[in-house]
Amino acid sequence: MAKIKFVHFVPRDKPKKRGPGQHKKSLSKHEKRQKNTNRYLGQGR
């Protein structure tokens, strides 16, 4: 087979990358579970 030349290749615009400090689209299973576990705050609180 002949080698394909990418003559008509047009690169599509890619979505912007999320920088640090921005919210996530979805939390992982571990993060979801960690979010709603009640921490022990100590005696008398």
PDB file of N, CA and C in Angstrom:
ATOM      1  N   MET A   1       0.831  -1.196   0.000  1.00  0.00           N
ATOM      2  CA  MET A   1       0.000   0.000   0.000  1.00  0.00           C
ATOM      3  C   MET A   1       0.872   1.254   0.000  1.00  0.00           C
ATOM      4  N   ALA A   2       0.381   2.263  -0.657  1.00  0.00           N
ATOM      5  CA  ALA A   2       1.132   3.509  -0.743  1.00  0.00           C
ATOM      6  C   ALA A   2       1.030   4.285   0.564  1.00  0.00           C
ATOM      7  N   LYS A   3       2.063   5.085   0.798  1.00  0.00           N
ATOM      8  CA  LYS A   3       2.080   5.909   2.006  1.00  0.00           C
ATOM      9  C   LYS A   3       1.125   7.088   1.835  1.00  0.00           C
ATOM     10  N   ILE A   4       0.349   7.383   2.878  1.00  0.00           N
ATOM     11  CA  ILE A   4      -0.623   8.484   2.808  1.00  0.00           C
ATOM     12  C   ILE A   4       0.093   9.783   3.170  1.00  0.00           C
ATOM     13  N   LYS A   5      -0.093  10.800   2.324  1.00  0.00           N
ATOM     14  CA  LYS A   5       0.482  12.111   2.634  1.00  0.00           C
ATOM     15  C   LYS A   5      -0.613  12.996   3.219  1.00  0.00           C
ATOM     16  N   PHE A   6      -0.305  13.678   4.305  1.00  0.00           N
ATOM     17  CA  PHE A   6      -1.278  14.545   4.959  1.00  0.00           C
ATOM     18  C   PHE A   6      -1.235  15.938   4.328  1.00  0.00           C
ATOM     19  N   VAL A   7      -1.719  16.031   3.108  1.00  0.00           N
ATOM     20  CA  VAL A   7      -1.699  17.309   2.401  1.00  0.00           C
ATOM     21  C   VAL A   7      -2.904  18.150   2.795  1.00  0.00           C
ATOM     22  N   HIS A   8      -4.067  17.508   2.920  1.00  0.00           N
ATOM     23  CA  HIS A   8      -5.306  18.233   3.215  1.00  0.00           C
ATOM     24  C   HIS A   8      -5.622  18.245   4.707  1.00  0.00           C
ATOM     25  N   PHE A   9      -4.585  18.056   5.532  1.00  0.00           N
ATOM     26  CA  PHE A   9      -4.797  18.004   6.981  1.00  0.00           C
ATOM     27  C   PHE A   9      -5.011  19.405   7.539  1.00  0.00           C
ATOM     28  N   VAL A  10      -6.178  19.601   8.203  1.00  0.00           N
ATOM     29  CA  VAL A  10      -6.462  20.887   8.852  1.00  0.00           C
ATOM     30  C   VAL A  10      -6.605  20.624  10.341  1.00  0.00           C
ATOM     31  N   PRO A  11      -5.702  21.145  11.167  1.00  0.00           N
ATOM     32  CA  PRO A  11      -5.815  20.891  12.604  1.00  0.00           C
ATOM     33  C   PRO A  11      -7.026  21.601  13.193  1.00  0.00           C
ATOM     34  N   ARG A  12      -7.808  20.848  13.980  1.00  0.00           N
ATOM     35  CA  ARG A  12      -8.995  21.423  14.610  1.00  0.00           C
ATOM     36  C   ARG A  12      -8.599  22.124  15.901  1.00  0.00           C
ATOM     37  N   ASP A  13      -9.354  23.135  16.288  1.00  0.00           N
ATOM     38  CA  ASP A  13      -9.055  23.833  17.524  1.00  0.00           C
ATOM     39  C   ASP A  13      -9.436  22.952  18.706  1.00  0.00           C
ATOM     40  N   LYS A  14      -8.519  22.894  19.656  1.00  0.00           N
ATOM     41  CA  LYS A  14      -8.690  22.018  20.809  1.00  0.00           C
ATOM     42  C   LYS A  14      -9.275  22.821  21.967  1.00  0.00           C
ATOM     43  N   PRO A  15     -10.015  22.160  22.876  1.00  0.00           N
ATOM     44  CA  PRO A  15     -10.562  22.879  24.032  1.00  0.00           C
ATOM     45  C   PRO A  15      -9.447  23.357  24.954  1.00  0.00           C
ATOM     46  N   LYS A  16      -9.708  24.464  25.658  1.00  0.00           N
ATOM     47  CA  LYS A  16      -8.695  25.028  26.552  1.00  0.00           C
ATOM     48  C   LYS A  16      -8.454  24.074  27.710  1.00  0.00           C
ATOM     49  N   LYS A  17      -7.209  24.020  28.148  1.00  0.00           N
ATOM     50  CA  LYS A  17      -6.878  23.189  29.300  1.00  0.00           C
ATOM     51  C   LYS A  17      -7.248  23.930  30.572  1.00  0.00           C
ATOM     52  N   ARG A  18      -7.706  23.183  31.573  1.00  0.00           N
ATOM     53  CA  ARG A  18      -8.062  23.789  32.842  1.00  0.00           C
ATOM     54  C   ARG A  18      -6.787  24.044  33.643  1.00  0.00           C
ATOM     55  N   GLY A  19      -6.618  25.274  34.055  1.00  0.00           N
ATOM     56  CA  GLY A  19      -5.457  25.623  34.864  1.00  0.00           C
ATOM     57  C   GLY A  19      -5.663  25.249  36.317  1.00  0.00           C
ATOM     58  N   PRO A  20      -4.643  25.444  37.131  1.00  0.00           N
ATOM     59  CA  PRO A  20      -4.809  25.138  38.555  1.00  0.00           C
ATOM     60  C   PRO A  20      -5.766  26.115  39.225  1.00  0.00           C
ATOM     61  N   GLY A  21      -6.480  25.637  40.216  1.00  0.00           N
ATOM     62  CA  GLY A  21      -7.419  26.475  40.949  1.00  0.00           C
ATOM     63  C   GLY A  21      -8.797  26.560  40.334  1.00  0.00           C
ATOM     64  N   GLN A  22      -9.054  25.803  39.290  1.00  0.00           N
ATOM     65  CA  GLN A  22     -10.391  25.797  38.691  1.00  0.00           C
ATOM     66  C   GLN A  22     -11.131  24.543  39.127  1.00  0.00           C
ATOM     67  N   HIS A  23     -12.456  24.606  39.103  1.00  0.00           N
ATOM     68  CA  HIS A  23     -13.245  23.469  39.569  1.00  0.00           C
ATOM     69  C   HIS A  23     -13.130  22.301  38.588  1.00  0.00           C
ATOM     70  N   LYS A  24     -13.279  21.095  39.133  1.00  0.00           N
ATOM     71  CA  LYS A  24     -13.237  19.897  38.304  1.00  0.00           C
ATOM     72  C   LYS A  24     -14.613  19.654  37.705  1.00  0.00           C
ATOM     73  N   LYS A  25     -14.617  18.973  36.565  1.00  0.00           N
ATOM     74  CA  LYS A  25     -15.900  18.615  35.965  1.00  0.00           C
ATOM     75  C   LYS A  25     -16.599  17.562  36.811  1.00  0.00           C
ATOM     76  N   SER A  26     -15.856  16.568  37.242  1.00  0.00           N
ATOM     77  CA  SER A  26     -16.456  15.538  38.098  1.00  0.00           C
ATOM     78  C   SER A  26     -15.402  14.977  39.042  1.00  0.00           C
ATOM     79  N   LEU A  27     -15.834  14.691  40.255  1.00  0.00           N
ATOM     80  CA  LEU A  27     -14.936  14.101  41.237  1.00  0.00           C
ATOM     81  C   LEU A  27     -14.838  12.601  40.999  1.00  0.00           C
ATOM     82  N   SER A  28     -13.707  12.029  41.373  1.00  0.00           N
ATOM     83  CA  SER A  28     -13.559  10.579  41.272  1.00  0.00           C
ATOM     84  C   SER A  28     -14.308   9.920  42.427  1.00  0.00           C
ATOM     85  N   LYS A  29     -14.447   8.610  42.360  1.00  0.00           N
ATOM     86  CA  LYS A  29     -15.206   7.878  43.376  1.00  0.00           C
ATOM     87  C   LYS A  29     -14.599   8.097  44.761  1.00  0.00           C
ATOM     88  N   HIS A  30     -13.282   8.085  44.819  1.00  0.00           N
ATOM     89  CA  HIS A  30     -12.585   8.289  46.088  1.00  0.00           C
ATOM     90  C   HIS A  30     -12.842   9.698  46.630  1.00  0.00           C
ATOM     91  N   GLU A  31     -12.805  10.689  45.732  1.00  0.00           N
ATOM     92  CA  GLU A  31     -13.012  12.079  46.151  1.00  0.00           C
ATOM     93  C   GLU A  31     -14.457  12.321  46.595  1.00  0.00           C
ATOM     94  N   LYS A  32     -15.403  11.699  45.896  1.00  0.00           N
ATOM     95  CA  LYS A  32     -16.810  11.811  46.275  1.00  0.00           C
ATOM     96  C   LYS A  32     -17.032  11.250  47.669  1.00  0.00           C
ATOM     97  N   ARG A  33     -16.448  10.084  47.925  1.00  0.00           N
ATOM     98  CA  ARG A  33     -16.614   9.416  49.216  1.00  0.00           C
ATOM     99  C   ARG A  33     -15.942  10.216  50.329  1.00  0.00           C
ATOM    100  N   GLN A  34     -14.799  10.814  49.991  1.00  0.00           N
ATOM    101  CA  GLN A  34     -14.055  11.590  50.980  1.00  0.00           C
ATOM    102  C   GLN A  34     -14.806  12.865  51.358  1.00  0.00           C
ATOM    103  N   LYS A  35     -15.547  13.419  50.392  1.00  0.00           N
ATOM    104  CA  LYS A  35     -16.257  14.667  50.599  1.00  0.00           C
ATOM    105  C   LYS A  35     -17.351  14.535  51.653  1.00  0.00           C
ATOM    106  N   ASN A  36     -18.105  13.419  51.630  1.00  0.00           N
ATOM    107  CA  ASN A  36     -19.251  13.304  52.521  1.00  0.00           C
ATOM    108  C   ASN A  36     -19.007  12.449  53.760  1.00  0.00           C
ATOM    109  N   THR A  37     -17.736  12.101  54.036  1.00  0.00           N
ATOM    110  CA  THR A  37     -17.480  11.399  55.296  1.00  0.00           C
ATOM    111  C   THR A  37     -17.361  12.427  56.397  1.00  0.00           C
ATOM    112  N   ASN A  38     -17.996  12.158  57.533  1.00  0.00           N
ATOM    113  CA  ASN A  38     -17.939  13.084  58.660  1.00  0.00           C
ATOM    114  C   ASN A  38     -16.663  12.839  59.451  1.00  0.00           C
ATOM    115  N   ARG A  39     -15.888  13.895  59.617  1.00  0.00           N
ATOM    116  CA  ARG A  39     -14.645  13.780  60.378  1.00  0.00           C
ATOM    117  C   ARG A  39     -14.935  13.861  61.881  1.00  0.00           C
ATOM    118  N   TYR A  40     -14.096  13.203  62.657  1.00  0.00           N
ATOM    119  CA  TYR A  40     -14.201  13.263  64.109  1.00  0.00           C
ATOM    120  C   TYR A  40     -13.587  14.588  64.554  1.00  0.00           C
ATOM    121  N   LEU A  41     -14.378  15.445  65.200  1.00  0.00           N
ATOM    122  CA  LEU A  41     -13.919  16.788  65.533  1.00  0.00           C
ATOM    123  C   LEU A  41     -13.380  16.886  66.964  1.00  0.00           C
ATOM    124  N   GLY A  42     -13.486  15.831  67.744  1.00  0.00           N
ATOM    125  CA  GLY A  42     -12.974  15.873  69.110  1.00  0.00           C
ATOM    126  C   GLY A  42     -14.112  15.954  70.120  1.00  0.00           C
ATOM    127  N   GLN A  43     -13.758  15.800  71.391  1.00  0.00           N
ATOM    128  CA  GLN A  43     -14.759  15.732  72.442  1.00  0.00           C
ATOM    129  C   GLN A  43     -15.327  17.117  72.729  1.00  0.00           C
ATOM    130  N   GLY A  44     -16.637  17.194  72.909  1.00  0.00           N
ATOM    131  CA  GLY A  44     -17.290  18.425  73.309  1.00  0.00           C
ATOM    132  C   GLY A  44     -17.555  19.410  72.186  1.00  0.00           C
ATOM    133  N   ARG A  45     -17.481  18.976  70.947  1.00  0.00           N
ATOM    134  CA  ARG A  45     -17.771  19.884  69.828  1.00  0.00           C
ATOM    135  C   ARG A  45     -19.072  19.534  69.179  1.00  0.00           C
TER     136      ARG A  45
END
